[in-house]
Protein backbone atom coordinates (compact mmCIF):
# COMPACT_ATOMS: atom_id res chain seq x y z
CA MET A 1 11.92 76.50 102.65
CA SER A 2 8.58 75.68 101.07
CA ASP A 3 5.46 75.48 103.17
CA ARG A 4 4.08 72.02 103.78
CA ILE A 5 0.38 71.43 104.15
CA VAL A 6 -0.89 68.22 105.74
CA ARG A 7 -4.57 67.59 105.07
CA ASP A 8 -7.21 64.96 104.52
CA ALA A 9 -7.26 63.61 100.99
CA ASN A 10 -10.18 64.34 98.71
CA GLY A 11 -11.31 63.21 95.27
CA ALA A 12 -8.99 65.67 93.56
CA ASP A 13 -6.01 63.77 95.05
CA ARG A 14 -6.88 60.51 93.31
CA SER A 15 -4.33 60.70 90.47
CA ALA A 16 -1.53 61.89 92.77
CA TRP A 17 -2.31 59.06 95.20
CA VAL A 18 -2.22 56.49 92.38
CA SER A 19 1.08 57.92 91.14
CA LEU A 20 2.62 57.80 94.63
CA ARG A 21 1.46 54.21 95.15
CA ALA A 22 2.87 53.24 91.76
CA SER A 23 6.24 54.82 92.67
CA MET A 24 6.33 52.88 95.94
CA PHE A 25 5.49 49.55 94.32
CA ARG A 26 7.87 50.20 91.39
CA ALA A 27 10.69 50.74 93.91
CA MET A 28 9.75 47.38 95.43
CA GLY A 29 10.13 45.70 92.02
CA VAL A 30 6.46 45.42 91.07
CA ASP A 31 6.27 45.94 87.30
CA GLU A 32 2.49 45.76 86.95
CA VAL A 33 2.05 49.34 88.20
CA ASP A 34 2.67 50.66 84.69
CA ASP A 35 -0.31 48.69 83.39
CA PRO A 36 -3.37 50.95 82.90
CA VAL A 37 -5.55 48.19 84.38
CA TRP A 38 -3.53 48.32 87.63
CA GLN A 39 -3.77 52.11 87.69
CA GLU A 40 -7.54 52.07 87.18
CA SER A 41 -7.92 49.43 89.90
CA ALA A 42 -5.89 51.58 92.29
CA ALA A 43 -8.02 54.63 91.44
CA THR A 44 -11.20 52.62 92.03
CA TRP A 45 -9.82 51.45 95.39
CA PHE A 46 -9.18 55.09 96.36
CA ASP A 47 -12.75 56.05 95.41
CA ARG A 48 -14.37 53.14 97.24
CA ARG A 49 -12.16 52.93 100.33
CA SER A 50 -11.82 56.61 101.18
CA GLU A 51 -14.86 56.32 103.48
CA ASP A 52 -13.35 53.61 105.69
CA VAL A 53 -9.66 54.47 105.28
CA HIS A 54 -8.45 57.84 106.52
CA ILE A 55 -6.06 59.07 103.83
CA VAL A 56 -3.84 62.07 104.53
CA VAL A 57 -1.69 63.88 101.96
CA VAL A 58 1.22 66.30 102.21
CA GLU A 59 1.38 69.19 99.76
CA VAL A 60 4.47 71.24 98.95
CA ASP A 61 4.05 74.16 96.56
CA SER A 62 0.53 72.93 95.71
CA GLU A 63 1.78 69.45 94.71
CA VAL A 64 0.92 66.27 96.61
CA VAL A 65 4.28 64.75 97.51
CA ALA A 66 3.33 62.13 100.09
CA ALA A 67 0.32 60.20 101.35
CA THR A 68 -0.52 57.76 104.09
CA GLY A 69 -3.61 56.12 105.39
CA ARG A 70 -5.06 53.91 108.05
CA ARG A 71 -8.34 52.18 108.61
CA ARG A 72 -10.85 54.36 110.41
CA SER A 73 -11.95 53.15 113.83
CA PRO A 74 -15.56 51.98 113.98
CA SER A 75 -17.88 54.52 115.57
């Protein structure tokens, strides 16, 4: 069994996060996820929102295979 690592996302996870989001929306029937404009918008969201949304990723064999997030509580 491969080791799983659960950790906070960082900037290097941006493309994996966009790909995972696209897979989720594609499975839900959203075709726009293949549009480069959608992908760039999702990447920009990741960059801008990572300060107020706690994003966690799961790595298996050094590959991000899952991600989740929730709004950070105000301090």
